[in-house]
Amino acid sequence: MPYHLSPEKRLRRDERVRLRNKSRMSRVRSFIKKARLSLAGDFSVQDNIESVRLAQSELAKGAAKGVMHKKTASRKIARLMKKLAQKTPQGSGTSV
């Protein structure tokens, strides 16, 4: 345990931040999982688009909050979009 006040405060603050980051990452992972399951299953194109859009939003928020690196979020978004493009018929005019 720290002997001085400022390291004690730092420990308390770090714990709050850790819990906040943990919550945000859990939420991001949940949305990614829902999007992947939607893309893997026999769902409508609109359902797939909506689930990928929500996952994309959560990934962007995670990167903006500093919970994950922005290139990691970008890579995950790109992979979801690639899977979505494979599932949607060409020329259907679907854009996220």
PDB file of N, CA and C in Angstrom:
ATOM      1  N   MET A   1       0.831  -1.189   0.000  1.00  0.00           N
ATOM      2  CA  MET A   1       0.000   0.000   0.000  1.00  0.00           C
ATOM      3  C   MET A   1       0.874   1.251   0.000  1.00  0.00           C
ATOM      4  N   PRO A   2       0.392   2.291  -0.634  1.00  0.00           N
ATOM      5  CA  PRO A   2       1.151   3.542  -0.674  1.00  0.00           C
ATOM      6  C   PRO A   2       1.225   4.218   0.702  1.00  0.00           C
ATOM      7  N   TYR A   3       2.283   4.959   0.877  1.00  0.00           N
ATOM      8  CA  TYR A   3       2.482   5.676   2.146  1.00  0.00           C
ATOM      9  C   TYR A   3       1.930   7.094   2.110  1.00  0.00           C
ATOM     10  N   HIS A   4       1.746   7.633   0.909  1.00  0.00           N
ATOM     11  CA  HIS A   4       1.349   9.034   0.784  1.00  0.00           C
ATOM     12  C   HIS A   4      -0.056   9.136   0.187  1.00  0.00           C
ATOM     13  N   LEU A   5      -0.615  10.330   0.288  1.00  0.00           N
ATOM     14  CA  LEU A   5      -1.994  10.531  -0.153  1.00  0.00           C
ATOM     15  C   LEU A   5      -2.166  10.447  -1.664  1.00  0.00           C
ATOM     16  N   SER A   6      -1.252  11.057  -2.422  1.00  0.00           N
ATOM     17  CA  SER A   6      -1.453  11.096  -3.866  1.00  0.00           C
ATOM     18  C   SER A   6      -1.398   9.708  -4.513  1.00  0.00           C
ATOM     19  N   PRO A   7      -0.503   8.791  -4.113  1.00  0.00           N
ATOM     20  CA  PRO A   7      -0.581   7.443  -4.688  1.00  0.00           C
ATOM     21  C   PRO A   7      -1.861   6.697  -4.291  1.00  0.00           C
ATOM     22  N   GLU A   8      -2.388   6.976  -3.097  1.00  0.00           N
ATOM     23  CA  GLU A   8      -3.651   6.359  -2.701  1.00  0.00           C
ATOM     24  C   GLU A   8      -4.785   6.839  -3.594  1.00  0.00           C
ATOM     25  N   LYS A   9      -4.778   8.147  -3.843  1.00  0.00           N
ATOM     26  CA  LYS A   9      -5.799   8.715  -4.721  1.00  0.00           C
ATOM     27  C   LYS A   9      -5.663   8.124  -6.127  1.00  0.00           C
ATOM     28  N   ARG A  10      -4.433   7.973  -6.569  1.00  0.00           N
ATOM     29  CA  ARG A  10      -4.179   7.407  -7.897  1.00  0.00           C
ATOM     30  C   ARG A  10      -4.734   5.974  -7.986  1.00  0.00           C
ATOM     31  N   LEU A  11      -4.563   5.186  -6.929  1.00  0.00           N
ATOM     32  CA  LEU A  11      -5.099   3.826  -6.910  1.00  0.00           C
ATOM     33  C   LEU A  11      -6.623   3.826  -7.003  1.00  0.00           C
ATOM     34  N   ARG A  12      -7.258   4.716  -6.254  1.00  0.00           N
ATOM     35  CA  ARG A  12      -8.721   4.796  -6.292  1.00  0.00           C
ATOM     36  C   ARG A  12      -9.203   5.197  -7.683  1.00  0.00           C
ATOM     37  N   ARG A  13      -8.539   6.173  -8.253  1.00  0.00           N
ATOM     38  CA  ARG A  13      -8.933   6.652  -9.579  1.00  0.00           C
ATOM     39  C   ARG A  13      -8.703   5.569 -10.630  1.00  0.00           C
ATOM     40  N   ASP A  14      -7.566   4.884 -10.549  1.00  0.00           N
ATOM     41  CA  ASP A  14      -7.256   3.830 -11.517  1.00  0.00           C
ATOM     42  C   ASP A  14      -8.300   2.718 -11.474  1.00  0.00           C
ATOM     43  N   GLU A  15      -8.783   2.406 -10.294  1.00  0.00           N
ATOM     44  CA  GLU A  15      -9.812   1.371 -10.160  1.00  0.00           C
ATOM     45  C   GLU A  15     -11.112   1.806 -10.831  1.00  0.00           C
ATOM     46  N   ARG A  16     -11.505   3.068 -10.646  1.00  0.00           N
ATOM     47  CA  ARG A  16     -12.715   3.579 -11.304  1.00  0.00           C
ATOM     48  C   ARG A  16     -12.569   3.539 -12.818  1.00  0.00           C
ATOM     49  N   VAL A  17     -11.418   3.955 -13.315  1.00  0.00           N
ATOM     50  CA  VAL A  17     -11.179   3.977 -14.753  1.00  0.00           C
ATOM     51  C   VAL A  17     -11.165   2.553 -15.303  1.00  0.00           C
ATOM     52  N   ARG A  18     -10.553   1.629 -14.554  1.00  0.00           N
ATOM     53  CA  ARG A  18     -10.488   0.230 -14.990  1.00  0.00           C
ATOM     54  C   ARG A  18     -11.896  -0.351 -15.132  1.00  0.00           C
ATOM     55  N   LEU A  19     -12.750  -0.074 -14.162  1.00  0.00           N
ATOM     56  CA  LEU A  19     -14.113  -0.584 -14.232  1.00  0.00           C
ATOM     57  C   LEU A  19     -14.890   0.037 -15.387  1.00  0.00           C
ATOM     58  N   ARG A  20     -14.668   1.327 -15.628  1.00  0.00           N
ATOM     59  CA  ARG A  20     -15.342   1.992 -16.746  1.00  0.00           C
ATOM     60  C   ARG A  20     -14.889   1.416 -18.078  1.00  0.00           C
ATOM     61  N   ASN A  21     -13.576   1.197 -18.215  1.00  0.00           N
ATOM     62  CA  ASN A  21     -13.044   0.624 -19.444  1.00  0.00           C
ATOM     63  C   ASN A  21     -13.541  -0.803 -19.648  1.00  0.00           C
ATOM     64  N   LYS A  22     -13.601  -1.556 -18.557  1.00  0.00           N
ATOM     65  CA  LYS A  22     -14.069  -2.943 -18.626  1.00  0.00           C
ATOM     66  C   LYS A  22     -15.515  -2.981 -19.116  1.00  0.00           C
ATOM     67  N   SER A  23     -16.335  -2.092 -18.590  1.00  0.00           N
ATOM     68  CA  SER A  23     -17.730  -2.024 -18.990  1.00  0.00           C
ATOM     69  C   SER A  23     -17.857  -1.665 -20.477  1.00  0.00           C
ATOM     70  N   ARG A  24     -17.089  -0.685 -20.915  1.00  0.00           N
ATOM     71  CA  ARG A  24     -17.147  -0.255 -22.317  1.00  0.00           C
ATOM     72  C   ARG A  24     -16.697  -1.379 -23.248  1.00  0.00           C
ATOM     73  N   MET A  25     -15.615  -2.080 -22.894  1.00  0.00           N
ATOM     74  CA  MET A  25     -15.119  -3.160 -23.749  1.00  0.00           C
ATOM     75  C   MET A  25     -16.108  -4.320 -23.791  1.00  0.00           C
ATOM     76  N   SER A  26     -16.745  -4.604 -22.683  1.00  0.00           N
ATOM     77  CA  SER A  26     -17.749  -5.661 -22.653  1.00  0.00           C
ATOM     78  C   SER A  26     -18.899  -5.311 -23.602  1.00  0.00           C
ATOM     79  N   ARG A  27     -19.312  -4.057 -23.563  1.00  0.00           N
ATOM     80  CA  ARG A  27     -20.385  -3.596 -24.446  1.00  0.00           C
ATOM     81  C   ARG A  27     -19.976  -3.698 -25.916  1.00  0.00           C
ATOM     82  N   VAL A  28     -18.748  -3.305 -26.223  1.00  0.00           N
ATOM     83  CA  VAL A  28     -18.247  -3.379 -27.601  1.00  0.00           C
ATOM     84  C   VAL A  28     -18.243  -4.838 -28.076  1.00  0.00           C
ATOM     85  N   ARG A  29     -17.723  -5.734 -27.235  1.00  0.00           N
ATOM     86  CA  ARG A  29     -17.655  -7.153 -27.605  1.00  0.00           C
ATOM     87  C   ARG A  29     -19.047  -7.742 -27.823  1.00  0.00           C
ATOM     88  N   SER A  30     -20.000  -7.323 -27.004  1.00  0.00           N
ATOM     89  CA  SER A  30     -21.372  -7.816 -27.143  1.00  0.00           C
ATOM     90  C   SER A  30     -21.966  -7.410 -28.489  1.00  0.00           C
ATOM     91  N   PHE A  31     -21.754  -6.169 -28.880  1.00  0.00           N
ATOM     92  CA  PHE A  31     -22.297  -5.697 -30.145  1.00  0.00           C
ATOM     93  C   PHE A  31     -21.607  -6.377 -31.333  1.00  0.00           C
ATOM     94  N   ILE A  32     -20.313  -6.623 -31.223  1.00  0.00           N
ATOM     95  CA  ILE A  32     -19.601  -7.328 -32.291  1.00  0.00           C
ATOM     96  C   ILE A  32     -20.147  -8.749 -32.418  1.00  0.00           C
ATOM     97  N   LYS A  33     -20.358  -9.399 -31.282  1.00  0.00           N
ATOM     98  CA  LYS A  33     -20.869 -10.769 -31.293  1.00  0.00           C
ATOM     99  C   LYS A  33     -22.263 -10.824 -31.920  1.00  0.00           C
ATOM    100  N   LYS A  34     -23.126  -9.869 -31.570  1.00  0.00           N
ATOM    101  CA  LYS A  34     -24.468  -9.823 -32.147  1.00  0.00           C
ATOM    102  C   LYS A  34     -24.402  -9.626 -33.661  1.00  0.00           C
ATOM    103  N   ALA A  35     -23.495  -8.776 -34.107  1.00  0.00           N
ATOM    104  CA  ALA A  35     -23.364  -8.534 -35.542  1.00  0.00           C
ATOM    105  C   ALA A  35     -22.878  -9.784 -36.255  1.00  0.00           C
ATOM    106  N   ARG A  36     -21.894 -10.472 -35.683  1.00  0.00           N
ATOM    107  CA  ARG A  36     -21.384 -11.692 -36.306  1.00  0.00           C
ATOM    108  C   ARG A  36     -22.444 -12.787 -36.360  1.00  0.00           C
ATOM    109  N   LEU A  37     -23.206 -12.931 -35.280  1.00  0.00           N
ATOM    110  CA  LEU A  37     -24.274 -13.927 -35.273  1.00  0.00           C
ATOM    111  C   LEU A  37     -25.349 -13.584 -36.289  1.00  0.00           C
ATOM    112  N   SER A  38     -25.655 -12.317 -36.420  1.00  0.00           N
ATOM    113  CA  SER A  38     -26.641 -11.881 -37.396  1.00  0.00           C
ATOM    114  C   SER A  38     -26.158 -12.193 -38.818  1.00  0.00           C
ATOM    115  N   LEU A  39     -24.884 -11.938 -39.068  1.00  0.00           N
ATOM    116  CA  LEU A  39     -24.332 -12.202 -40.404  1.00  0.00           C
ATOM    117  C   LEU A  39     -24.224 -13.697 -40.688  1.00  0.00           C
ATOM    118  N   ALA A  40     -24.014 -14.495 -39.653  1.00  0.00           N
ATOM    119  CA  ALA A  40     -23.868 -15.938 -39.847  1.00  0.00           C
ATOM    120  C   ALA A  40     -25.223 -16.629 -39.998  1.00  0.00           C
ATOM    121  N   GLY A  41     -26.268 -16.047 -39.422  1.00  0.00           N
ATOM    122  CA  GLY A  41     -27.582 -16.676 -39.444  1.00  0.00           C
ATOM    123  C   GLY A  41     -28.386 -16.299 -40.672  1.00  0.00           C
ATOM    124  N   ASP A  42     -29.624 -16.748 -40.670  1.00  0.00           N
ATOM    125  CA  ASP A  42     -30.534 -16.465 -41.783  1.00  0.00           C
ATOM    126  C   ASP A  42     -31.431 -15.282 -41.439  1.00  0.00           C
ATOM    127  N   PHE A  43     -30.808 -14.140 -41.263  1.00  0.00           N
ATOM    128  CA  PHE A  43     -31.545 -12.932 -40.952  1.00  0.00           C
ATOM    129  C   PHE A  43     -31.706 -12.102 -42.218  1.00  0.00           C
ATOM    130  N   SER A  44     -32.643 -11.162 -42.183  1.00  0.00           N
ATOM    131  CA  SER A  44     -32.865 -10.315 -43.351  1.00  0.00           C
ATOM    132  C   SER A  44     -31.692  -9.355 -43.543  1.00  0.00           C
ATOM    133  N   VAL A  45     -31.605  -8.807 -44.727  1.00  0.00           N
ATOM    134  CA  VAL A  45     -30.538  -7.860 -45.048  1.00  0.00           C
ATOM    135  C   VAL A  45     -30.628  -6.648 -44.136  1.00  0.00           C
ATOM    136  N   GLN A  46     -31.843  -6.186 -43.869  1.00  0.00           N
ATOM    137  CA  GLN A  46     -32.027  -5.023 -43.006  1.00  0.00           C
ATOM    138  C   GLN A  46     -31.541  -5.300 -41.586  1.00  0.00           C
ATOM    139  N   ASP A  47     -31.808  -6.504 -41.074  1.00  0.00           N
ATOM    140  CA  ASP A  47     -31.330  -6.868 -39.736  1.00  0.00           C
ATOM    141  C   ASP A  47     -29.806  -6.889 -39.698  1.00  0.00           C
ATOM    142  N   ASN A  48     -29.212  -7.448 -40.751  1.00  0.00           N
ATOM    143  CA  ASN A  48     -27.748  -7.484 -40.827  1.00  0.00           C
ATOM    144  C   ASN A  48     -27.162  -6.083 -40.854  1.00  0.00           C
ATOM    145  N   ILE A  49     -27.743  -5.222 -41.657  1.00  0.00           N
ATOM    146  CA  ILE A  49     -27.248  -3.852 -41.777  1.00  0.00           C
ATOM    147  C   ILE A  49     -27.365  -3.135 -40.433  1.00  0.00           C
ATOM    148  N   GLU A  50     -28.496  -3.314 -39.761  1.00  0.00           N
ATOM    149  CA  GLU A  50     -28.708  -2.639 -38.487  1.00  0.00           C
ATOM    150  C   GLU A  50     -27.731  -3.127 -37.420  1.00  0.00           C
ATOM    151  N   SER A  51     -27.498  -4.442 -37.362  1.00  0.00           N
ATOM    152  CA  SER A  51     -26.584  -4.975 -36.344  1.00  0.00           C
ATOM    153  C   SER A  51     -25.146  -4.518 -36.603  1.00  0.00           C
ATOM    154  N   VAL A  52     -24.731  -4.468 -37.862  1.00  0.00           N
ATOM    155  CA  VAL A  52     -23.384  -4.005 -38.192  1.00  0.00           C
ATOM    156  C   VAL A  52     -23.260  -2.508 -37.904  1.00  0.00           C
ATOM    157  N   ARG A  53     -24.310  -1.760 -38.171  1.00  0.00           N
ATOM    158  CA  ARG A  53     -24.284  -0.320 -37.910  1.00  0.00           C
ATOM    159  C   ARG A  53     -24.127  -0.044 -36.406  1.00  0.00           C
ATOM    160  N   LEU A  54     -24.850  -0.785 -35.590  1.00  0.00           N
ATOM    161  CA  LEU A  54     -24.743  -0.613 -34.145  1.00  0.00           C
ATOM    162  C   LEU A  54     -23.358  -1.006 -33.641  1.00  0.00           C
ATOM    163  N   ALA A  55     -22.817  -2.105 -34.173  1.00  0.00           N
ATOM    164  CA  ALA A  55     -21.473  -2.535 -33.775  1.00  0.00           C
ATOM    165  C   ALA A  55     -20.438  -1.495 -34.192  1.00  0.00           C
ATOM    166  N   GLN A  56     -20.606  -0.943 -35.378  1.00  0.00           N
ATOM    167  CA  GLN A  56     -19.685   0.077 -35.875  1.00  0.00           C
ATOM    168  C   GLN A  56     -19.705   1.299 -34.957  1.00  0.00           C
ATOM    169  N   SER A  57     -20.881   1.682 -34.522  1.00  0.00           N
ATOM    170  CA  SER A  57     -21.024   2.828 -33.626  1.00  0.00           C
ATOM    171  C   SER A  57     -20.324   2.568 -32.295  1.00  0.00           C
ATOM    172  N   GLU A  58     -20.526   1.395 -31.736  1.00  0.00           N
ATOM    173  CA  GLU A  58     -19.897   1.066 -30.452  1.00  0.00           C
ATOM    174  C   GLU A  58     -18.378   0.992 -30.574  1.00  0.00           C
ATOM    175  N   LEU A  59     -17.888   0.442 -31.676  1.00  0.00           N
ATOM    176  CA  LEU A  59     -16.438   0.390 -31.891  1.00  0.00           C
ATOM    177  C   LEU A  59     -15.859   1.797 -31.980  1.00  0.00           C
ATOM    178  N   ALA A  60     -16.538   2.674 -32.691  1.00  0.00           N
ATOM    179  CA  ALA A  60     -16.065   4.053 -32.817  1.00  0.00           C
ATOM    180  C   ALA A  60     -16.059   4.760 -31.466  1.00  0.00           C
ATOM    181  N   LYS A  61     -17.088   4.507 -30.652  1.00  0.00           N
ATOM    182  CA  LYS A  61     -17.135   5.108 -29.321  1.00  0.00           C
ATOM    183  C   LYS A  61     -15.993   4.577 -28.452  1.00  0.00           C
ATOM    184  N   GLY A  62     -15.736   3.279 -28.550  1.00  0.00           N
ATOM    185  CA  GLY A  62     -14.642   2.694 -27.776  1.00  0.00           C
ATOM    186  C   GLY A  62     -13.303   3.296 -28.142  1.00  0.00           C
ATOM    187  N   ALA A  63     -13.094   3.517 -29.429  1.00  0.00           N
ATOM    188  CA  ALA A  63     -11.842   4.122 -29.878  1.00  0.00           C
ATOM    189  C   ALA A  63     -11.769   5.586 -29.442  1.00  0.00           C
ATOM    190  N   ALA A  64     -12.898   6.278 -29.501  1.00  0.00           N
ATOM    191  CA  ALA A  64     -12.915   7.689 -29.115  1.00  0.00           C
ATOM    192  C   ALA A  64     -12.653   7.858 -27.623  1.00  0.00           C
ATOM    193  N   LYS A  65     -13.126   6.922 -26.816  1.00  0.00           N
ATOM    194  CA  LYS A  65     -12.933   7.001 -25.369  1.00  0.00           C
ATOM    195  C   LYS A  65     -11.545   6.528 -24.950  1.00  0.00           C
ATOM    196  N   GLY A  66     -10.789   5.953 -25.872  1.00  0.00           N
ATOM    197  CA  GLY A  66      -9.441   5.503 -25.543  1.00  0.00           C
ATOM    198  C   GLY A  66      -9.390   4.114 -24.943  1.00  0.00           C
ATOM    199  N   VAL A  67     -10.482   3.384 -25.040  1.00  0.00           N
ATOM    200  CA  VAL A  67     -10.524   2.033 -24.490  1.00  0.00           C
ATOM    201  C   VAL A  67      -9.782   1.068 -25.408  1.00  0.00           C
ATOM    202  N   MET A  68      -9.853   1.334 -26.685  1.00  0.00           N
ATOM    203  CA  MET A  68      -9.131   0.519 -27.658  1.00  0.00           C
ATOM    204  C   MET A  68      -8.449   1.443 -28.661  1.00  0.00           C
ATOM    205  N   HIS A  69      -7.450   0.934 -29.326  1.00  0.00           N
ATOM    206  CA  HIS A  69      -6.725   1.728 -30.312  1.00  0.00           C
ATOM    207  C   HIS A  69      -7.622   1.989 -31.514  1.00  0.00           C
ATOM    208  N   LYS A  70      -7.479   3.148 -32.117  1.00  0.00           N
ATOM    209  CA  LYS A  70      -8.375   3.498 -33.227  1.00  0.00           C
ATOM    210  C   LYS A  70      -8.160   2.604 -34.443  1.00  0.00           C
ATOM    211  N   LYS A  71      -6.944   2.121 -34.633  1.00  0.00           N
ATOM    212  CA  LYS A  71      -6.711   1.227 -35.772  1.00  0.00           C
ATOM    213  C   LYS A  71      -7.296  -0.155 -35.518  1.00  0.00           C
ATOM    214  N   THR A  72      -7.337  -0.577 -34.275  1.00  0.00           N
ATOM    215  CA  THR A  72      -7.984  -1.839 -33.932  1.00  0.00           C
ATOM    216  C   THR A  72      -9.475  -1.746 -34.232  1.00  0.00           C
ATOM    217  N   ALA A  73     -10.083  -0.649 -33.825  1.00  0.00           N
ATOM    218  CA  ALA A  73     -11.506  -0.440 -34.092  1.00  0.00           C
ATOM    219  C   ALA A  73     -11.759  -0.381 -35.594  1.00  0.00           C
ATOM    220  N   SER A  74     -10.907   0.312 -36.310  1.00  0.00           N
ATOM    221  CA  SER A  74     -11.053   0.436 -37.754  1.00  0.00           C
ATOM    222  C   SER A  74     -10.947  -0.920 -38.438  1.00  0.00           C
ATOM    223  N   ARG A  75     -10.008  -1.744 -37.988  1.00  0.00           N
ATOM    224  CA  ARG A  75      -9.820  -3.074 -38.565  1.00  0.00           C
ATOM    225  C   ARG A  75     -11.052  -3.954 -38.320  1.00  0.00           C
ATOM    226  N   LYS A  76     -11.596  -3.886 -37.121  1.00  0.00           N
ATOM    227  CA  LYS A  76     -12.777  -4.690 -36.797  1.00  0.00           C
ATOM    228  C   LYS A  76     -13.993  -4.217 -37.604  1.00  0.00           C
ATOM    229  N   ILE A  77     -14.134  -2.911 -37.770  1.00  0.00           N
ATOM    230  CA  ILE A  77     -15.225  -2.370 -38.576  1.00  0.00           C
ATOM    231  C   ILE A  77     -15.085  -2.834 -40.021  1.00  0.00           C
ATOM    232  N   ALA A  78     -13.875  -2.787 -40.543  1.00  0.00           N
ATOM    233  CA  ALA A  78     -13.644  -3.187 -41.932  1.00  0.00           C
ATOM    234  C   ALA A  78     -13.990  -4.660 -42.146  1.00  0.00           C
ATOM    235  N   ARG A  79     -13.651  -5.502 -41.181  1.00  0.00           N
ATOM    236  CA  ARG A  79     -13.956  -6.929 -41.307  1.00  0.00           C
ATOM    237  C   ARG A  79     -15.453  -7.191 -41.258  1.00  0.00           C
ATOM    238  N   LEU A  80     -16.156  -6.453 -40.389  1.00  0.00           N
ATOM    239  CA  LEU A  80     -17.611  -6.596 -40.347  1.00  0.00           C
ATOM    240  C   LEU A  80     -18.244  -6.127 -41.658  1.00  0.00           C
ATOM    241  N   MET A  81     -17.745  -5.025 -42.179  1.00  0.00           N
ATOM    242  CA  MET A  81     -18.283  -4.498 -43.434  1.00  0.00           C
ATOM    243  C   MET A  81     -18.033  -5.455 -44.599  1.00  0.00           C
ATOM    244  N   LYS A  82     -16.878  -6.102 -44.576  1.00  0.00           N
ATOM    245  CA  LYS A  82     -16.556  -7.070 -45.619  1.00  0.00           C
ATOM    246  C   LYS A  82     -17.526  -8.252 -45.583  1.00  0.00           C
ATOM    247  N   LYS A  83     -17.818  -8.741 -44.368  1.00  0.00           N
ATOM    248  CA  LYS A  83     -18.782  -9.840 -44.227  1.00  0.00           C
ATOM    249  C   LYS A  83     -20.176  -9.402 -44.643  1.00  0.00           C
ATOM    250  N   LEU A  84     -20.528  -8.168 -44.321  1.00  0.00           N
ATOM    251  CA  LEU A  84     -21.834  -7.641 -44.701  1.00  0.00           C
ATOM    252  C   LEU A  84     -21.941  -7.550 -46.225  1.00  0.00           C
ATOM    253  N   ALA A  85     -20.880  -7.115 -46.868  1.00  0.00           N
ATOM    254  CA  ALA A  85     -20.888  -6.994 -48.324  1.00  0.00           C
ATOM    255  C   ALA A  85     -21.043  -8.362 -48.988  1.00  0.00           C
ATOM    256  N   GLN A  86     -20.492  -9.389 -48.381  1.00  0.00           N
ATOM    257  CA  GLN A  86     -20.636 -10.738 -48.933  1.00  0.00           C
ATOM    258  C   GLN A  86     -22.067 -11.243 -48.785  1.00  0.00           C
ATOM    259  N   LYS A  87     -22.750 -10.834 -47.725  1.00  0.00           N
ATOM    260  CA  LYS A  87     -24.111 -11.306 -47.468  1.00  0.00           C
ATOM    261  C   LYS A  87     -25.174 -10.564 -48.280  1.00  0.00           C
ATOM    262  N   THR A  88     -24.907  -9.314 -48.634  1.00  0.00           N
ATOM    263  CA  THR A  88     -25.915  -8.531 -49.338  1.00  0.00           C
ATOM    264  C   THR A  88     -25.775  -8.742 -50.834  1.00  0.00           C
ATOM    265  N   PRO A  89     -26.883  -8.803 -51.538  1.00  0.00           N
ATOM    266  CA  PRO A  89     -26.813  -8.944 -52.995  1.00  0.00           C
ATOM    267  C   PRO A  89     -26.232  -7.690 -53.632  1.00  0.00           C
ATOM    268  N   GLN A  90     -25.516  -7.874 -54.701  1.00  0.00           N
ATOM    269  CA  GLN A  90     -24.889  -6.745 -55.399  1.00  0.00           C
ATOM    270  C   GLN A  90     -25.954  -5.852 -56.010  1.00  0.00           C
ATOM    271  N   GLY A  91     -25.724  -4.540 -55.883  1.00  0.00           N
ATOM    272  CA  GLY A  91     -26.626  -3.572 -56.505  1.00  0.00           C
ATOM    273  C   GLY A  91     -27.930  -3.389 -55.752  1.00  0.00           C
ATOM    274  N   SER A  92     -27.990  -3.834 -54.510  1.00  0.00           N
ATOM    275  CA  SER A  92     -29.231  -3.672 -53.779  1.00  0.00           C
ATOM    276  C   SER A  92     -29.379  -2.272 -53.185  1.00  0.00           C
ATOM    277  N   GLY A  93     -28.317  -1.480 -53.309  1.00  0.00           N
ATOM    278  CA  GLY A  93     -28.377  -0.104 -52.823  1.00  0.00           C
ATOM    279  C   GLY A  93     -28.317   0.009 -51.331  1.00  0.00           C
ATOM    280  N   THR A  94     -27.714  -0.963 -50.682  1.00  0.00           N
ATOM    281  CA  THR A  94     -27.608  -0.910 -49.230  1.00  0.00           C
ATOM    282  C   THR A  94     -26.288  -0.301 -48.839  1.00  0.00           C
ATOM    283  N   SER A  95     -26.374   0.748 -48.074  1.00  0.00           N
ATOM    284  CA  SER A  95     -25.171   1.364 -47.549  1.00  0.00           C
ATOM    285  C   SER A  95     -25.392   1.658 -46.088  1.00  0.00           C
ATOM    286  N   VAL A  96     -24.322   1.535 -45.315  1.00  0.00           N
ATOM    287  CA  VAL A  96     -24.440   1.735 -43.875  1.00  0.00           C
ATOM    288  C   VAL A  96     -24.085   3.139 -43.525  1.00  0.00           C
TER     289      VAL A  96
END
